[in-house]
C-alpha atoms as a PDB file:
ATOM      1  CA  UNK A   1      20.774 -25.926  29.476  1.00  0.00           C
ATOM      2  CA  UNK A   2      18.835 -23.180  31.221  1.00  0.00           C
ATOM      3  CA  UNK A   3      20.811 -20.524  29.299  1.00  0.00           C
ATOM      4  CA  UNK A   4      20.051 -22.313  26.033  1.00  0.00           C
ATOM      5  CA  UNK A   5      16.296 -22.372  26.767  1.00  0.00           C
ATOM      6  CA  UNK A   6      16.357 -18.697  27.744  1.00  0.00           C
ATOM      7  CA  UNK A   7      18.061 -17.873  24.441  1.00  0.00           C
ATOM      8  CA  UNK A   8      15.433 -19.782  22.462  1.00  0.00           C
ATOM      9  CA  UNK A   9      12.632 -18.095  24.418  1.00  0.00           C
ATOM     10  CA  UNK A  10      14.151 -14.673  23.765  1.00  0.00           C
ATOM     11  CA  UNK A  11      14.429 -15.394  20.024  1.00  0.00           C
ATOM     12  CA  UNK A  12      10.810 -16.604  19.840  1.00  0.00           C
ATOM     13  CA  UNK A  13       9.588 -13.557  21.741  1.00  0.00           C
ATOM     14  CA  UNK A  14      11.522 -11.267  19.374  1.00  0.00           C
ATOM     15  CA  UNK A  15      10.038 -12.956  16.302  1.00  0.00           C
ATOM     16  CA  UNK A  16       6.489 -12.690  17.656  1.00  0.00           C
ATOM     17  CA  UNK A  17       6.998  -9.046  18.595  1.00  0.00           C
ATOM     18  CA  UNK A  18       8.503  -8.068  15.241  1.00  0.00           C
ATOM     19  CA  UNK A  19       5.909  -9.858  13.125  1.00  0.00           C
ATOM     20  CA  UNK A  20       2.995  -8.518  15.155  1.00  0.00           C
ATOM     21  CA  UNK A  21       3.670  -4.836  14.443  1.00  0.00           C
ATOM     22  CA  UNK A  22       1.537  -4.609  11.299  1.00  0.00           C
ATOM     23  CA  UNK A  23      -2.219  -5.083  11.347  1.00  0.00           C
ATOM     24  CA  UNK A  24      -3.914  -7.552   9.060  1.00  0.00           C
ATOM     25  CA  UNK A  25      -5.650  -4.629   7.315  1.00  0.00           C
ATOM     26  CA  UNK A  26      -2.272  -3.216   6.292  1.00  0.00           C
ATOM     27  CA  UNK A  27      -0.765  -6.534   5.234  1.00  0.00           C
ATOM     28  CA  UNK A  28      -3.899  -7.450   3.211  1.00  0.00           C
ATOM     29  CA  UNK A  29      -3.846  -4.019   1.581  1.00  0.00           C
ATOM     30  CA  UNK A  30      -0.163  -4.298   0.683  1.00  0.00           C
ATOM     31  CA  UNK A  31      -0.734  -7.772  -0.766  1.00  0.00           C
ATOM     32  CA  UNK A  32      -3.701  -6.471  -2.785  1.00  0.00           C
ATOM     33  CA  UNK A  33      -1.861  -3.500  -4.291  1.00  0.00           C
ATOM     34  CA  UNK A  34       1.101  -5.714  -5.203  1.00  0.00           C
ATOM     35  CA  UNK A  35      -1.283  -8.161  -6.877  1.00  0.00           C
ATOM     36  CA  UNK A  36      -2.841  -5.263  -8.791  1.00  0.00           C
ATOM     37  CA  UNK A  37       0.576  -4.043  -9.940  1.00  0.00           C
ATOM     38  CA  UNK A  38       1.635  -7.529 -11.015  1.00  0.00           C
ATOM     39  CA  UNK A  39      -1.566  -7.925 -13.065  1.00  0.00           C
ATOM     40  CA  UNK A  40      -1.412  -4.510 -14.741  1.00  0.00           C
ATOM     41  CA  UNK A  41       2.282  -3.775 -15.340  1.00  0.00           C
ATOM     42  CA  UNK A  42       4.005  -4.843 -18.564  1.00  0.00           C
ATOM     43  CA  UNK A  43       7.008  -6.150 -16.616  1.00  0.00           C
ATOM     44  CA  UNK A  44       5.753  -6.985 -13.098  1.00  0.00           C
ATOM     45  CA  UNK A  45       9.142  -8.151 -11.853  1.00  0.00           C
ATOM     46  CA  UNK A  46      10.506  -4.619 -12.415  1.00  0.00           C
ATOM     47  CA  UNK A  47       8.058  -3.113  -9.875  1.00  0.00           C
ATOM     48  CA  UNK A  48      10.082  -1.334  -7.188  1.00  0.00           C
ATOM     49  CA  UNK A  49       8.547   0.788  -4.431  1.00  0.00           C
ATOM     50  CA  UNK A  50      10.654   3.872  -3.717  1.00  0.00           C
ATOM     51  CA  UNK A  51       8.332   5.293  -1.064  1.00  0.00           C
ATOM     52  CA  UNK A  52       5.213   3.970   0.616  1.00  0.00           C
ATOM     53  CA  UNK A  53       3.091   6.043   2.976  1.00  0.00           C
ATOM     54  CA  UNK A  54      -0.185   4.783   4.372  1.00  0.00           C
ATOM     55  CA  UNK A  55      -2.888   5.927   6.718  1.00  0.00           C
ATOM     56  CA  UNK A  56      -5.750   3.944   8.230  1.00  0.00           C
ATOM     57  CA  UNK A  57      -9.230   5.267   8.858  1.00  0.00           C
ATOM     58  CA  UNK A  58     -10.641   5.372  12.385  1.00  0.00           C
ATOM     59  CA  UNK A  59     -12.399   2.025  12.022  1.00  0.00           C
ATOM     60  CA  UNK A  60      -9.168   0.275  10.897  1.00  0.00           C
ATOM     61  CA  UNK A  61     -11.256  -0.961   7.969  1.00  0.00           C
ATOM     62  CA  UNK A  62      -9.752   1.014   5.076  1.00  0.00           C
ATOM     63  CA  UNK A  63      -6.166   1.964   4.308  1.00  0.00           C
ATOM     64  CA  UNK A  64      -5.138   4.824   2.026  1.00  0.00           C
ATOM     65  CA  UNK A  65      -1.768   4.366   0.320  1.00  0.00           C
ATOM     66  CA  UNK A  66       0.659   6.663  -1.468  1.00  0.00           C
ATOM     67  CA  UNK A  67       3.128   4.828  -3.684  1.00  0.00           C
ATOM     68  CA  UNK A  68       6.123   6.311  -5.436  1.00  0.00           C
ATOM     69  CA  UNK A  69       7.426   3.478  -7.618  1.00  0.00           C
ATOM     70  CA  UNK A  70       9.357   2.566 -10.734  1.00  0.00           C
ATOM     71  CA  UNK A  71       8.603  -0.074 -13.351  1.00  0.00           C
ATOM     72  CA  UNK A  72       9.875  -0.962 -16.803  1.00  0.00           C
ATOM     73  CA  UNK A  73       7.586  -0.280 -19.765  1.00  0.00           C
ATOM     74  CA  UNK A  74       7.259  -2.441 -22.885  1.00  0.00           C
ATOM     75  CA  UNK A  75      10.115  -0.529 -24.590  1.00  0.00           C
ATOM     76  CA  UNK A  76      12.555  -1.231 -21.758  1.00  0.00           C
ATOM     77  CA  UNK A  77      12.422   2.287 -20.321  1.00  0.00           C
ATOM     78  CA  UNK A  78      12.107   2.753 -16.575  1.00  0.00           C
ATOM     79  CA  UNK A  79       9.149   4.930 -15.599  1.00  0.00           C
ATOM     80  CA  UNK A  80       8.528   6.561 -12.262  1.00  0.00           C
ATOM     81  CA  UNK A  81       4.906   6.814 -11.132  1.00  0.00           C
ATOM     82  CA  UNK A  82       3.147   8.174  -8.097  1.00  0.00           C
ATOM     83  CA  UNK A  83      -0.298   6.923  -7.260  1.00  0.00           C
ATOM     84  CA  UNK A  84      -2.833   6.852  -4.448  1.00  0.00           C
ATOM     85  CA  UNK A  85      -4.836   3.773  -3.512  1.00  0.00           C
ATOM     86  CA  UNK A  86      -7.498   2.812  -1.002  1.00  0.00           C
ATOM     87  CA  UNK A  87      -7.770  -0.816   0.064  1.00  0.00           C
ATOM     88  CA  UNK A  88     -10.906  -2.172   1.699  1.00  0.00           C
ATOM     89  CA  UNK A  89     -11.053  -5.921   2.311  1.00  0.00           C
ATOM     90  CA  UNK A  90     -10.562  -7.375  -1.179  1.00  0.00           C
ATOM     91  CA  UNK A  91     -11.182  -4.143  -3.103  1.00  0.00           C
ATOM     92  CA  UNK A  92      -8.635  -1.638  -4.340  1.00  0.00           C
ATOM     93  CA  UNK A  93      -9.453   1.832  -5.639  1.00  0.00           C
ATOM     94  CA  UNK A  94      -6.706   3.548  -7.632  1.00  0.00           C
ATOM     95  CA  UNK A  95      -6.506   7.331  -7.850  1.00  0.00           C
ATOM     96  CA  UNK A  96      -4.199   9.309 -10.116  1.00  0.00           C
ATOM     97  CA  UNK A  97      -3.846  12.779  -8.639  1.00  0.00           C
ATOM     98  CA  UNK A  98      -1.439  15.310 -10.114  1.00  0.00           C
ATOM     99  CA  UNK A  99      -0.817  16.902  -6.742  1.00  0.00           C
ATOM    100  CA  UNK A 100       2.246  15.531  -4.984  1.00  0.00           C
ATOM    101  CA  UNK A 101       3.083  18.302  -2.553  1.00  0.00           C
ATOM    102  CA  UNK A 102       1.794  16.626   0.603  1.00  0.00           C
ATOM    103  CA  UNK A 103       0.891  12.936   0.220  1.00  0.00           C
ATOM    104  CA  UNK A 104      -0.104  12.569   3.892  1.00  0.00           C
ATOM    105  CA  UNK A 105      -2.684  15.345   3.524  1.00  0.00           C
ATOM    106  CA  UNK A 106      -4.104  13.775   0.360  1.00  0.00           C
ATOM    107  CA  UNK A 107      -4.352  10.367   2.110  1.00  0.00           C
ATOM    108  CA  UNK A 108      -6.391  11.967   4.895  1.00  0.00           C
ATOM    109  CA  UNK A 109      -8.610  13.700   2.324  1.00  0.00           C
ATOM    110  CA  UNK A 110      -9.182  10.424   0.463  1.00  0.00           C
ATOM    111  CA  UNK A 111     -10.160   8.581   3.646  1.00  0.00           C
ATOM    112  CA  UNK A 112     -12.625  11.358   4.523  1.00  0.00           C
ATOM    113  CA  UNK A 113     -13.967  11.663   0.979  1.00  0.00           C
ATOM    114  CA  UNK A 114     -17.430  10.230   0.398  1.00  0.00           C
ATOM    115  CA  UNK A 115     -18.465   8.741  -2.941  1.00  0.00           C
ATOM    116  CA  UNK A 116     -20.580  11.228  -4.839  1.00  0.00           C
ATOM    117  CA  UNK A 117     -18.729  14.247  -3.463  1.00  0.00           C
ATOM    118  CA  UNK A 118     -16.587  16.221  -5.867  1.00  0.00           C
ATOM    119  CA  UNK A 119     -12.861  15.545  -5.593  1.00  0.00           C
ATOM    120  CA  UNK A 120     -10.041  16.368  -7.999  1.00  0.00           C
ATOM    121  CA  UNK A 121      -9.134  12.945  -9.339  1.00  0.00           C
ATOM    122  CA  UNK A 122      -7.384  12.672 -12.697  1.00  0.00           C
ATOM    123  CA  UNK A 123      -8.012   8.939 -13.120  1.00  0.00           C
ATOM    124  CA  UNK A 124      -9.996   6.447 -11.063  1.00  0.00           C
ATOM    125  CA  UNK A 125     -10.012   2.629 -11.346  1.00  0.00           C
ATOM    126  CA  UNK A 126     -11.477  -0.167  -9.233  1.00  0.00           C
ATOM    127  CA  UNK A 127      -9.832  -3.562  -8.815  1.00  0.00           C
ATOM    128  CA  UNK A 128     -11.429  -6.458  -6.926  1.00  0.00           C
ATOM    129  CA  UNK A 129      -9.679  -9.615  -5.863  1.00  0.00           C
END
């Protein structure tokens, strides 16, 4: 009986440890960008993330995301896109930047960028939940 209880305790501890690795800022941000993709893509169920890189600002308030993903267009063709996003609470800013050499560096730049400053952005959109 004691061995059985120890096993259950170990399993519960493992579950708590594994689920507690991601902050709520990250999980909210991931949920928000998936919601955005599902509302804007022609075939939302085809959305597949190939690579996700993210970086949080010092206050753990904003998260900058780099997504390399595929999705099916309205003609049935599979397109590959790369985009940058910033999530803040229930707001998502989408940046299309034709510079893919170092996503981590661009994420840092985006987090340090202040509105009103000049930054090379090809397309910018705002999405609020």
